[in-house]
Amino acid sequence: MTTLVLEPTNDSDLHLLLSLAQRLGVKATTTPPVTAISEEERRQRFLALVGSWQSNESGDEINKMLMESRHFRDRDIEL
């Protein structure tokens, strides 16, 4: 099997190539084009995915609460 990759620059050429492949009985598969996104768009997408924490406590106060709520105990484990 041989794979031929064609990268048409517009939709018209793409449809022409797909039509030709169909006429010839050749399997043709299309994939969405890979588009480059700007750093700002990347940042906006990232911020849309991550959550946020809203609290009346400061970051230091939350950190202190987390540290104080940890429980450490001796573990009787043989390695």
C-alpha atoms as a PDB file:
ATOM      1  CA  MET A   1       0.000   0.000   0.000  1.00  0.00           C
ATOM      2  CA  THR A   2       1.261   3.487  -0.855  1.00  0.00           C
ATOM      3  CA  THR A   3       0.080   6.650   0.855  1.00  0.00           C
ATOM      4  CA  LEU A   4       0.021   9.944  -0.993  1.00  0.00           C
ATOM      5  CA  VAL A   5      -0.430  13.125   1.007  1.00  0.00           C
ATOM      6  CA  LEU A   6      -1.895  16.092  -0.861  1.00  0.00           C
ATOM      7  CA  GLU A   7      -2.311  19.475   0.778  1.00  0.00           C
ATOM      8  CA  PRO A   8      -4.702  21.611  -1.257  1.00  0.00           C
ATOM      9  CA  THR A   9      -4.679  25.296  -0.483  1.00  0.00           C
ATOM     10  CA  ASN A  10      -8.420  25.847  -0.849  1.00  0.00           C
ATOM     11  CA  ASP A  11     -11.750  24.011  -0.615  1.00  0.00           C
ATOM     12  CA  SER A  12     -12.247  24.008  -4.367  1.00  0.00           C
ATOM     13  CA  ASP A  13      -9.026  22.063  -4.953  1.00  0.00           C
ATOM     14  CA  LEU A  14      -9.878  19.710  -2.107  1.00  0.00           C
ATOM     15  CA  HIS A  15     -13.271  18.856  -3.640  1.00  0.00           C
ATOM     16  CA  LEU A  16     -11.667  18.387  -7.049  1.00  0.00           C
ATOM     17  CA  LEU A  17      -9.112  15.938  -5.637  1.00  0.00           C
ATOM     18  CA  LEU A  18     -11.764  14.037  -3.689  1.00  0.00           C
ATOM     19  CA  SER A  19     -13.940  13.822  -6.794  1.00  0.00           C
ATOM     20  CA  LEU A  20     -11.005  12.516  -8.824  1.00  0.00           C
ATOM     21  CA  ALA A  21     -10.204   9.905  -6.183  1.00  0.00           C
ATOM     22  CA  GLN A  22     -13.832   8.765  -6.209  1.00  0.00           C
ATOM     23  CA  ARG A  23     -13.831   8.476 -10.024  1.00  0.00           C
ATOM     24  CA  LEU A  24     -10.647   6.416  -9.912  1.00  0.00           C
ATOM     25  CA  GLY A  25     -11.992   4.195  -7.149  1.00  0.00           C
ATOM     26  CA  VAL A  26      -9.189   5.204  -4.830  1.00  0.00           C
ATOM     27  CA  LYS A  27      -9.772   5.440  -1.085  1.00  0.00           C
ATOM     28  CA  ALA A  28      -9.455   9.073   0.009  1.00  0.00           C
ATOM     29  CA  THR A  29      -9.422  10.191   3.622  1.00  0.00           C
ATOM     30  CA  THR A  30      -9.461  13.794   4.777  1.00  0.00           C
ATOM     31  CA  THR A  31      -8.257  15.173   8.083  1.00  0.00           C
ATOM     32  CA  PRO A  32      -8.942  18.595   9.540  1.00  0.00           C
ATOM     33  CA  PRO A  33      -6.162  21.080   8.905  1.00  0.00           C
ATOM     34  CA  VAL A  34      -3.762  21.760  11.726  1.00  0.00           C
ATOM     35  CA  THR A  35      -3.967  25.404  12.621  1.00  0.00           C
ATOM     36  CA  ALA A  36      -1.481  27.351  14.666  1.00  0.00           C
ATOM     37  CA  ILE A  37      -2.965  29.379  17.482  1.00  0.00           C
ATOM     38  CA  SER A  38      -1.510  32.497  19.010  1.00  0.00           C
ATOM     39  CA  GLU A  39      -0.081  32.601  22.509  1.00  0.00           C
ATOM     40  CA  GLU A  40      -3.044  34.733  23.581  1.00  0.00           C
ATOM     41  CA  GLU A  41      -5.533  32.174  22.213  1.00  0.00           C
ATOM     42  CA  ARG A  42      -3.584  29.394  23.927  1.00  0.00           C
ATOM     43  CA  ARG A  43      -3.722  31.342  27.210  1.00  0.00           C
ATOM     44  CA  GLN A  44      -7.472  31.954  26.830  1.00  0.00           C
ATOM     45  CA  ARG A  45      -8.123  28.259  26.152  1.00  0.00           C
ATOM     46  CA  PHE A  46      -6.034  27.281  29.160  1.00  0.00           C
ATOM     47  CA  LEU A  47      -7.882  29.690  31.439  1.00  0.00           C
ATOM     48  CA  ALA A  48     -11.209  28.366  30.160  1.00  0.00           C
ATOM     49  CA  LEU A  49     -10.191  24.843  31.233  1.00  0.00           C
ATOM     50  CA  VAL A  50      -8.731  25.450  34.668  1.00  0.00           C
ATOM     51  CA  GLY A  51     -10.837  26.033  37.721  1.00  0.00           C
ATOM     52  CA  SER A  52     -10.574  28.761  40.269  1.00  0.00           C
ATOM     53  CA  TRP A  53     -10.854  28.934  44.001  1.00  0.00           C
ATOM     54  CA  GLN A  54     -12.812  31.690  45.631  1.00  0.00           C
ATOM     55  CA  SER A  55     -12.335  32.169  49.320  1.00  0.00           C
ATOM     56  CA  ASN A  56     -12.230  34.866  51.950  1.00  0.00           C
ATOM     57  CA  GLU A  57      -8.935  33.415  53.233  1.00  0.00           C
ATOM     58  CA  SER A  58      -5.616  34.462  51.775  1.00  0.00           C
ATOM     59  CA  GLY A  59      -3.315  31.962  50.110  1.00  0.00           C
ATOM     60  CA  ASP A  60      -1.146  31.868  53.225  1.00  0.00           C
ATOM     61  CA  GLU A  61      -4.170  31.176  55.431  1.00  0.00           C
ATOM     62  CA  ILE A  62      -5.335  28.349  53.181  1.00  0.00           C
ATOM     63  CA  ASN A  63      -1.832  26.893  53.145  1.00  0.00           C
ATOM     64  CA  LYS A  64      -1.709  27.028  56.944  1.00  0.00           C
ATOM     65  CA  MET A  65      -5.092  25.271  57.211  1.00  0.00           C
ATOM     66  CA  LEU A  66      -3.905  22.528  54.869  1.00  0.00           C
ATOM     67  CA  MET A  67      -0.675  22.020  56.766  1.00  0.00           C
ATOM     68  CA  GLU A  68      -2.488  21.890  60.107  1.00  0.00           C
ATOM     69  CA  SER A  69      -5.073  19.394  58.850  1.00  0.00           C
ATOM     70  CA  ARG A  70      -2.453  16.830  57.840  1.00  0.00           C
ATOM     71  CA  HIS A  71      -2.190  13.760  60.019  1.00  0.00           C
ATOM     72  CA  PHE A  72       1.123  11.992  60.307  1.00  0.00           C
ATOM     73  CA  ARG A  73       1.470   8.741  62.154  1.00  0.00           C
ATOM     74  CA  ASP A  74       4.086   6.083  62.468  1.00  0.00           C
ATOM     75  CA  ARG A  75       3.607   3.327  59.993  1.00  0.00           C
ATOM     76  CA  ASP A  76       4.648  -0.163  60.873  1.00  0.00           C
ATOM     77  CA  ILE A  77       5.725  -1.254  57.405  1.00  0.00           C
ATOM     78  CA  GLU A  78       8.625  -3.502  56.573  1.00  0.00           C
ATOM     79  CA  LEU A  79      10.328  -2.874  53.274  1.00  0.00           C
END
